[in-house]
Amino acid sequence: IPFGIYPRNKTPIQVVGHQCGTCVFGTDPTRSVLDLNCKTHDVDNLYVVDGSFFPSSSGVNPTLTIIANALRVGDRLLERLC
């Protein structure tokens, strides 16, 4: 985007931020939504593999970590199916 066109102060934070941390994972169902394989504690066949599993937003772009985690969870799903 050319510098003169970029909407400097008109862009809300929701557009430029990386929303993370809405479904934190952990071992304690009272303190987390997902187990360590990103499966919900309460619903047996529901997995969350987006940025929600982060405990909070980081200072860097989370895309590669999200991809790596999705591949890891996919491997666990394959193990579960076989």
PDB file of N, CA and C in Angstrom:
ATOM      1  N   ILE A   1       0.858  -1.179   0.000  1.00  0.00           N
ATOM      2  CA  ILE A   1       0.000   0.000   0.000  1.00  0.00           C
ATOM      3  C   ILE A   1       0.898   1.234   0.000  1.00  0.00           C
ATOM      4  N   PRO A   2       0.686   2.125  -0.929  1.00  0.00           N
ATOM      5  CA  PRO A   2       1.460   3.371  -0.917  1.00  0.00           C
ATOM      6  C   PRO A   2       1.246   4.126   0.392  1.00  0.00           C
ATOM      7  N   PHE A   3       2.301   4.755   0.877  1.00  0.00           N
ATOM      8  CA  PHE A   3       2.263   5.410   2.180  1.00  0.00           C
ATOM      9  C   PHE A   3       1.123   6.413   2.307  1.00  0.00           C
ATOM     10  N   GLY A   4       0.844   7.159   1.281  1.00  0.00           N
ATOM     11  CA  GLY A   4      -0.207   8.170   1.347  1.00  0.00           C
ATOM     12  C   GLY A   4      -1.610   7.590   1.449  1.00  0.00           C
ATOM     13  N   ILE A   5      -1.785   6.336   1.049  1.00  0.00           N
ATOM     14  CA  ILE A   5      -3.106   5.703   1.070  1.00  0.00           C
ATOM     15  C   ILE A   5      -3.353   4.961   2.386  1.00  0.00           C
ATOM     16  N   TYR A   6      -2.305   4.567   3.079  1.00  0.00           N
ATOM     17  CA  TYR A   6      -2.439   3.770   4.304  1.00  0.00           C
ATOM     18  C   TYR A   6      -3.258   4.510   5.357  1.00  0.00           C
ATOM     19  N   PRO A   7      -4.336   3.878   5.870  1.00  0.00           N
ATOM     20  CA  PRO A   7      -5.204   4.551   6.858  1.00  0.00           C
ATOM     21  C   PRO A   7      -4.590   4.527   8.262  1.00  0.00           C
ATOM     22  N   ARG A   8      -3.643   5.392   8.501  1.00  0.00           N
ATOM     23  CA  ARG A   8      -2.853   5.364   9.738  1.00  0.00           C
ATOM     24  C   ARG A   8      -3.677   5.296  11.018  1.00  0.00           C
ATOM     25  N   ASN A   9      -4.467   6.252  11.296  1.00  0.00           N
ATOM     26  CA  ASN A   9      -5.170   6.307  12.575  1.00  0.00           C
ATOM     27  C   ASN A   9      -6.628   5.882  12.483  1.00  0.00           C
ATOM     28  N   LYS A  10      -7.034   5.366  11.362  1.00  0.00           N
ATOM     29  CA  LYS A  10      -8.432   5.005  11.179  1.00  0.00           C
ATOM     30  C   LYS A  10      -8.681   3.507  11.310  1.00  0.00           C
ATOM     31  N   THR A  11      -7.641   2.721  11.479  1.00  0.00           N
ATOM     32  CA  THR A  11      -7.788   1.277  11.552  1.00  0.00           C
ATOM     33  C   THR A  11      -7.933   0.846  13.012  1.00  0.00           C
ATOM     34  N   PRO A  12      -9.047   0.198  13.357  1.00  0.00           N
ATOM     35  CA  PRO A  12      -9.220  -0.246  14.750  1.00  0.00           C
ATOM     36  C   PRO A  12      -8.276  -1.398  15.088  1.00  0.00           C
ATOM     37  N   ILE A  13      -7.959  -1.549  16.347  1.00  0.00           N
ATOM     38  CA  ILE A  13      -7.021  -2.576  16.793  1.00  0.00           C
ATOM     39  C   ILE A  13      -7.506  -3.983  16.444  1.00  0.00           C
ATOM     40  N   GLN A  14      -8.807  -4.209  16.362  1.00  0.00           N
ATOM     41  CA  GLN A  14      -9.329  -5.532  16.037  1.00  0.00           C
ATOM     42  C   GLN A  14      -8.909  -5.986  14.647  1.00  0.00           C
ATOM     43  N   VAL A  15      -8.600  -5.050  13.781  1.00  0.00           N
ATOM     44  CA  VAL A  15      -8.231  -5.378  12.409  1.00  0.00           C
ATOM     45  C   VAL A  15      -6.750  -5.722  12.302  1.00  0.00           C
ATOM     46  N   VAL A  16      -5.924  -5.081  13.083  1.00  0.00           N
ATOM     47  CA  VAL A  16      -4.484  -5.269  12.942  1.00  0.00           C
ATOM     48  C   VAL A  16      -3.897  -6.236  13.962  1.00  0.00           C
ATOM     49  N   GLY A  17      -4.642  -6.607  14.979  1.00  0.00           N
ATOM     50  CA  GLY A  17      -4.126  -7.501  16.009  1.00  0.00           C
ATOM     51  C   GLY A  17      -4.353  -8.961  15.664  1.00  0.00           C
ATOM     52  N   HIS A  18      -3.685  -9.817  16.394  1.00  0.00           N
ATOM     53  CA  HIS A  18      -3.877 -11.260  16.257  1.00  0.00           C
ATOM     54  C   HIS A  18      -4.659 -11.725  17.481  1.00  0.00           C
ATOM     55  N   GLN A  19      -5.908 -12.062  17.268  1.00  0.00           N
ATOM     56  CA  GLN A  19      -6.731 -12.505  18.388  1.00  0.00           C
ATOM     57  C   GLN A  19      -6.306 -13.906  18.808  1.00  0.00           C
ATOM     58  N   CYS A  20      -5.899 -14.041  20.040  1.00  0.00           N
ATOM     59  CA  CYS A  20      -5.423 -15.315  20.576  1.00  0.00           C
ATOM     60  C   CYS A  20      -5.882 -15.449  22.023  1.00  0.00           C
ATOM     61  N   GLY A  21      -5.885 -16.673  22.494  1.00  0.00           N
ATOM     62  CA  GLY A  21      -6.105 -16.906  23.911  1.00  0.00           C
ATOM     63  C   GLY A  21      -7.542 -17.052  24.354  1.00  0.00           C
ATOM     64  N   THR A  22      -8.450 -17.363  23.451  1.00  0.00           N
ATOM     65  CA  THR A  22      -9.848 -17.486  23.857  1.00  0.00           C
ATOM     66  C   THR A  22     -10.222 -18.895  24.303  1.00  0.00           C
ATOM     67  N   CYS A  23      -9.408 -19.892  23.962  1.00  0.00           N
ATOM     68  CA  CYS A  23      -9.643 -21.288  24.371  1.00  0.00           C
ATOM     69  C   CYS A  23      -8.324 -21.876  24.869  1.00  0.00           C
ATOM     70  N   VAL A  24      -7.851 -21.391  25.962  1.00  0.00           N
ATOM     71  CA  VAL A  24      -6.535 -21.778  26.474  1.00  0.00           C
ATOM     72  C   VAL A  24      -6.463 -23.283  26.722  1.00  0.00           C
ATOM     73  N   PHE A  25      -5.293 -23.875  26.441  1.00  0.00           N
ATOM     74  CA  PHE A  25      -5.144 -25.305  26.679  1.00  0.00           C
ATOM     75  C   PHE A  25      -4.325 -25.573  27.931  1.00  0.00           C
ATOM     76  N   GLY A  26      -4.570 -26.745  28.524  1.00  0.00           N
ATOM     77  CA  GLY A  26      -3.870 -27.133  29.737  1.00  0.00           C
ATOM     78  C   GLY A  26      -4.399 -28.452  30.263  1.00  0.00           C
ATOM     79  N   THR A  27      -3.881 -28.870  31.400  1.00  0.00           N
ATOM     80  CA  THR A  27      -4.274 -30.168  31.960  1.00  0.00           C
ATOM     81  C   THR A  27      -5.443 -30.070  32.928  1.00  0.00           C
ATOM     82  N   ASP A  28      -5.717 -28.898  33.426  1.00  0.00           N
ATOM     83  CA  ASP A  28      -6.768 -28.711  34.430  1.00  0.00           C
ATOM     84  C   ASP A  28      -8.043 -28.176  33.771  1.00  0.00           C
ATOM     85  N   PRO A  29      -9.100 -28.987  33.712  1.00  0.00           N
ATOM     86  CA  PRO A  29     -10.344 -28.537  33.075  1.00  0.00           C
ATOM     87  C   PRO A  29     -10.988 -27.323  33.748  1.00  0.00           C
ATOM     88  N   THR A  30     -10.647 -27.061  34.987  1.00  0.00           N
ATOM     89  CA  THR A  30     -11.218 -25.886  35.650  1.00  0.00           C
ATOM     90  C   THR A  30     -10.497 -24.600  35.265  1.00  0.00           C
ATOM     91  N   ARG A  31      -9.316 -24.734  34.663  1.00  0.00           N
ATOM     92  CA  ARG A  31      -8.540 -23.549  34.294  1.00  0.00           C
ATOM     93  C   ARG A  31      -8.264 -23.452  32.803  1.00  0.00           C
ATOM     94  N   SER A  32      -8.730 -24.437  32.033  1.00  0.00           N
ATOM     95  CA  SER A  32      -8.485 -24.435  30.591  1.00  0.00           C
ATOM     96  C   SER A  32      -9.670 -25.055  29.865  1.00  0.00           C
ATOM     97  N   VAL A  33      -9.798 -24.715  28.607  1.00  0.00           N
ATOM     98  CA  VAL A  33     -10.890 -25.230  27.779  1.00  0.00           C
ATOM     99  C   VAL A  33     -10.449 -26.476  27.017  1.00  0.00           C
ATOM    100  N   LEU A  34      -9.169 -26.511  26.649  1.00  0.00           N
ATOM    101  CA  LEU A  34      -8.635 -27.592  25.823  1.00  0.00           C
ATOM    102  C   LEU A  34      -7.612 -28.413  26.597  1.00  0.00           C
ATOM    103  N   ASP A  35      -7.491 -29.699  26.230  1.00  0.00           N
ATOM    104  CA  ASP A  35      -6.405 -30.491  26.798  1.00  0.00           C
ATOM    105  C   ASP A  35      -5.130 -30.221  25.996  1.00  0.00           C
ATOM    106  N   LEU A  36      -4.053 -30.934  26.290  1.00  0.00           N
ATOM    107  CA  LEU A  36      -2.773 -30.652  25.635  1.00  0.00           C
ATOM    108  C   LEU A  36      -2.757 -30.999  24.150  1.00  0.00           C
ATOM    109  N   ASN A  37      -3.758 -31.750  23.694  1.00  0.00           N
ATOM    110  CA  ASN A  37      -3.889 -32.038  22.262  1.00  0.00           C
ATOM    111  C   ASN A  37      -4.950 -31.168  21.607  1.00  0.00           C
ATOM    112  N   CYS A  38      -5.316 -30.092  22.279  1.00  0.00           N
ATOM    113  CA  CYS A  38      -6.285 -29.107  21.783  1.00  0.00           C
ATOM    114  C   CYS A  38      -7.685 -29.678  21.586  1.00  0.00           C
ATOM    115  N   LYS A  39      -7.998 -30.749  22.311  1.00  0.00           N
ATOM    116  CA  LYS A  39      -9.352 -31.303  22.326  1.00  0.00           C
ATOM    117  C   LYS A  39     -10.074 -30.693  23.516  1.00  0.00           C
ATOM    118  N   THR A  40     -11.316 -30.307  23.311  1.00  0.00           N
ATOM    119  CA  THR A  40     -12.049 -29.711  24.426  1.00  0.00           C
ATOM    120  C   THR A  40     -12.216 -30.722  25.550  1.00  0.00           C
ATOM    121  N   HIS A  41     -12.180 -30.228  26.767  1.00  0.00           N
ATOM    122  CA  HIS A  41     -12.357 -31.101  27.931  1.00  0.00           C
ATOM    123  C   HIS A  41     -13.774 -31.669  27.985  1.00  0.00           C
ATOM    124  N   ASP A  42     -14.742 -30.917  27.502  1.00  0.00           N
ATOM    125  CA  ASP A  42     -16.146 -31.300  27.671  1.00  0.00           C
ATOM    126  C   ASP A  42     -16.769 -32.028  26.487  1.00  0.00           C
ATOM    127  N   VAL A  43     -16.252 -31.820  25.283  1.00  0.00           N
ATOM    128  CA  VAL A  43     -16.828 -32.445  24.089  1.00  0.00           C
ATOM    129  C   VAL A  43     -15.775 -33.368  23.486  1.00  0.00           C
ATOM    130  N   ASP A  44     -16.090 -34.645  23.400  1.00  0.00           N
ATOM    131  CA  ASP A  44     -15.091 -35.655  23.041  1.00  0.00           C
ATOM    132  C   ASP A  44     -14.452 -35.456  21.673  1.00  0.00           C
ATOM    133  N   ASN A  45     -15.175 -35.042  20.686  1.00  0.00           N
ATOM    134  CA  ASN A  45     -14.637 -35.024  19.327  1.00  0.00           C
ATOM    135  C   ASN A  45     -14.495 -33.605  18.771  1.00  0.00           C
ATOM    136  N   LEU A  46     -14.256 -32.645  19.635  1.00  0.00           N
ATOM    137  CA  LEU A  46     -14.122 -31.252  19.204  1.00  0.00           C
ATOM    138  C   LEU A  46     -12.701 -30.774  19.473  1.00  0.00           C
ATOM    139  N   TYR A  47     -12.012 -30.400  18.408  1.00  0.00           N
ATOM    140  CA  TYR A  47     -10.638 -29.913  18.495  1.00  0.00           C
ATOM    141  C   TYR A  47     -10.588 -28.463  18.015  1.00  0.00           C
ATOM    142  N   VAL A  48      -9.721 -27.681  18.608  1.00  0.00           N
ATOM    143  CA  VAL A  48      -9.548 -26.276  18.231  1.00  0.00           C
ATOM    144  C   VAL A  48      -8.096 -26.096  17.807  1.00  0.00           C
ATOM    145  N   VAL A  49      -7.878 -25.720  16.552  1.00  0.00           N
ATOM    146  CA  VAL A  49      -6.503 -25.628  16.052  1.00  0.00           C
ATOM    147  C   VAL A  49      -6.199 -24.264  15.433  1.00  0.00           C
ATOM    148  N   ASP A  50      -6.839 -23.235  15.929  1.00  0.00           N
ATOM    149  CA  ASP A  50      -6.495 -21.891  15.479  1.00  0.00           C
ATOM    150  C   ASP A  50      -5.706 -21.194  16.587  1.00  0.00           C
ATOM    151  N   GLY A  51      -5.637 -19.900  16.565  1.00  0.00           N
ATOM    152  CA  GLY A  51      -4.869 -19.158  17.559  1.00  0.00           C
ATOM    153  C   GLY A  51      -5.482 -19.133  18.945  1.00  0.00           C
ATOM    154  N   SER A  52      -6.641 -19.718  19.089  1.00  0.00           N
ATOM    155  CA  SER A  52      -7.314 -19.707  20.388  1.00  0.00           C
ATOM    156  C   SER A  52      -6.546 -20.445  21.468  1.00  0.00           C
ATOM    157  N   PHE A  53      -5.735 -21.430  21.093  1.00  0.00           N
ATOM    158  CA  PHE A  53      -5.050 -22.245  22.098  1.00  0.00           C
ATOM    159  C   PHE A  53      -3.924 -21.502  22.810  1.00  0.00           C
ATOM    160  N   PHE A  54      -3.467 -20.398  22.256  1.00  0.00           N
ATOM    161  CA  PHE A  54      -2.418 -19.612  22.920  1.00  0.00           C
ATOM    162  C   PHE A  54      -2.919 -19.100  24.271  1.00  0.00           C
ATOM    163  N   PRO A  55      -2.045 -19.015  25.255  1.00  0.00           N
ATOM    164  CA  PRO A  55      -2.475 -18.432  26.533  1.00  0.00           C
ATOM    165  C   PRO A  55      -2.760 -16.936  26.413  1.00  0.00           C
ATOM    166  N   SER A  56      -2.076 -16.275  25.488  1.00  0.00           N
ATOM    167  CA  SER A  56      -2.312 -14.853  25.212  1.00  0.00           C
ATOM    168  C   SER A  56      -1.655 -14.531  23.878  1.00  0.00           C
ATOM    169  N   SER A  57      -1.820 -13.328  23.432  1.00  0.00           N
ATOM    170  CA  SER A  57      -1.211 -12.917  22.174  1.00  0.00           C
ATOM    171  C   SER A  57       0.280 -12.670  22.385  1.00  0.00           C
ATOM    172  N   SER A  58       1.067 -13.058  21.401  1.00  0.00           N
ATOM    173  CA  SER A  58       2.515 -12.868  21.513  1.00  0.00           C
ATOM    174  C   SER A  58       2.942 -11.583  20.814  1.00  0.00           C
ATOM    175  N   GLY A  59       4.206 -11.296  20.873  1.00  0.00           N
ATOM    176  CA  GLY A  59       4.725 -10.090  20.244  1.00  0.00           C
ATOM    177  C   GLY A  59       5.089 -10.281  18.785  1.00  0.00           C
ATOM    178  N   VAL A  60       4.904 -11.493  18.274  1.00  0.00           N
ATOM    179  CA  VAL A  60       5.229 -11.781  16.877  1.00  0.00           C
ATOM    180  C   VAL A  60       4.031 -12.436  16.198  1.00  0.00           C
ATOM    181  N   ASN A  61       4.074 -12.490  14.889  1.00  0.00           N
ATOM    182  CA  ASN A  61       3.003 -13.106  14.123  1.00  0.00           C
ATOM    183  C   ASN A  61       2.900 -14.592  14.491  1.00  0.00           C
ATOM    184  N   PRO A  62       1.714 -15.074  14.858  1.00  0.00           N
ATOM    185  CA  PRO A  62       1.569 -16.452  15.339  1.00  0.00           C
ATOM    186  C   PRO A  62       1.319 -17.500  14.256  1.00  0.00           C
ATOM    187  N   THR A  63       1.322 -17.111  12.999  1.00  0.00           N
ATOM    188  CA  THR A  63       0.885 -18.019  11.940  1.00  0.00           C
ATOM    189  C   THR A  63       1.665 -19.325  11.890  1.00  0.00           C
ATOM    190  N   LEU A  64       2.985 -19.274  11.926  1.00  0.00           N
ATOM    191  CA  LEU A  64       3.766 -20.510  11.825  1.00  0.00           C
ATOM    192  C   LEU A  64       3.534 -21.426  13.021  1.00  0.00           C
ATOM    193  N   THR A  65       3.376 -20.856  14.191  1.00  0.00           N
ATOM    194  CA  THR A  65       3.092 -21.668  15.374  1.00  0.00           C
ATOM    195  C   THR A  65       1.711 -22.304  15.270  1.00  0.00           C
ATOM    196  N   ILE A  66       0.753 -21.567  14.756  1.00  0.00           N
ATOM    197  CA  ILE A  66      -0.593 -22.117  14.564  1.00  0.00           C
ATOM    198  C   ILE A  66      -0.550 -23.270  13.565  1.00  0.00           C
ATOM    199  N   ILE A  67       0.185 -23.103  12.485  1.00  0.00           N
ATOM    200  CA  ILE A  67       0.309 -24.167  11.481  1.00  0.00           C
ATOM    201  C   ILE A  67       0.978 -25.398  12.086  1.00  0.00           C
ATOM    202  N   ALA A  68       2.067 -25.188  12.813  1.00  0.00           N
ATOM    203  CA  ALA A  68       2.780 -26.312  13.433  1.00  0.00           C
ATOM    204  C   ALA A  68       1.877 -27.046  14.419  1.00  0.00           C
ATOM    205  N   ASN A  69       1.127 -26.308  15.197  1.00  0.00           N
ATOM    206  CA  ASN A  69       0.224 -26.944  16.158  1.00  0.00           C
ATOM    207  C   ASN A  69      -0.893 -27.697  15.441  1.00  0.00           C
ATOM    208  N   ALA A  70      -1.424 -27.135  14.372  1.00  0.00           N
ATOM    209  CA  ALA A  70      -2.479 -27.822  13.620  1.00  0.00           C
ATOM    210  C   ALA A  70      -1.958 -29.137  13.042  1.00  0.00           C
ATOM    211  N   LEU A  71      -0.728 -29.140  12.562  1.00  0.00           N
ATOM    212  CA  LEU A  71      -0.132 -30.381  12.056  1.00  0.00           C
ATOM    213  C   LEU A  71       0.060 -31.390  13.188  1.00  0.00           C
ATOM    214  N   ARG A  72       0.488 -30.917  14.343  1.00  0.00           N
ATOM    215  CA  ARG A  72       0.669 -31.791  15.509  1.00  0.00           C
ATOM    216  C   ARG A  72      -0.660 -32.409  15.931  1.00  0.00           C
ATOM    217  N   VAL A  73      -1.691 -31.597  16.015  1.00  0.00           N
ATOM    218  CA  VAL A  73      -3.014 -32.095  16.399  1.00  0.00           C
ATOM    219  C   VAL A  73      -3.548 -33.050  15.328  1.00  0.00           C
ATOM    220  N   GLY A  74      -3.285 -32.751  14.068  1.00  0.00           N
ATOM    221  CA  GLY A  74      -3.684 -33.655  12.993  1.00  0.00           C
ATOM    222  C   GLY A  74      -3.057 -35.029  13.144  1.00  0.00           C
ATOM    223  N   ASP A  75      -1.796 -35.064  13.542  1.00  0.00           N
ATOM    224  CA  ASP A  75      -1.134 -36.351  13.798  1.00  0.00           C
ATOM    225  C   ASP A  75      -1.820 -37.105  14.934  1.00  0.00           C
ATOM    226  N   ARG A  76      -2.224 -36.403  15.980  1.00  0.00           N
ATOM    227  CA  ARG A  76      -2.934 -37.049  17.097  1.00  0.00           C
ATOM    228  C   ARG A  76      -4.281 -37.597  16.632  1.00  0.00           C
ATOM    229  N   LEU A  77      -4.942 -36.857  15.752  1.00  0.00           N
ATOM    230  CA  LEU A  77      -6.222 -37.336  15.218  1.00  0.00           C
ATOM    231  C   LEU A  77      -6.027 -38.603  14.389  1.00  0.00           C
ATOM    232  N   LEU A  78      -4.968 -38.633  13.593  1.00  0.00           N
ATOM    233  CA  LEU A  78      -4.681 -39.845  12.819  1.00  0.00           C
ATOM    234  C   LEU A  78      -4.420 -41.035  13.736  1.00  0.00           C
ATOM    235  N   GLU A  79      -3.668 -40.807  14.806  1.00  0.00           N
ATOM    236  CA  GLU A  79      -3.412 -41.878  15.774  1.00  0.00           C
ATOM    237  C   GLU A  79      -4.715 -42.364  16.401  1.00  0.00           C
ATOM    238  N   ARG A  80      -5.594 -41.438  16.677  1.00  0.00           N
ATOM    239  CA  ARG A  80      -6.867 -41.792  17.304  1.00  0.00           C
ATOM    240  C   ARG A  80      -7.749 -42.606  16.351  1.00  0.00           C
ATOM    241  N   LEU A  81      -7.678 -42.307  15.067  1.00  0.00           N
ATOM    242  CA  LEU A  81      -8.505 -43.004  14.083  1.00  0.00           C
ATOM    243  C   LEU A  81      -7.978 -44.389  13.732  1.00  0.00           C
ATOM    244  N   CYS A  82      -6.684 -44.572  13.851  1.00  0.00           N
ATOM    245  CA  CYS A  82      -6.085 -45.862  13.450  1.00  0.00           C
ATOM    246  C   CYS A  82      -6.069 -46.869  14.571  1.00  0.00           C
TER     247      CYS A  82
END
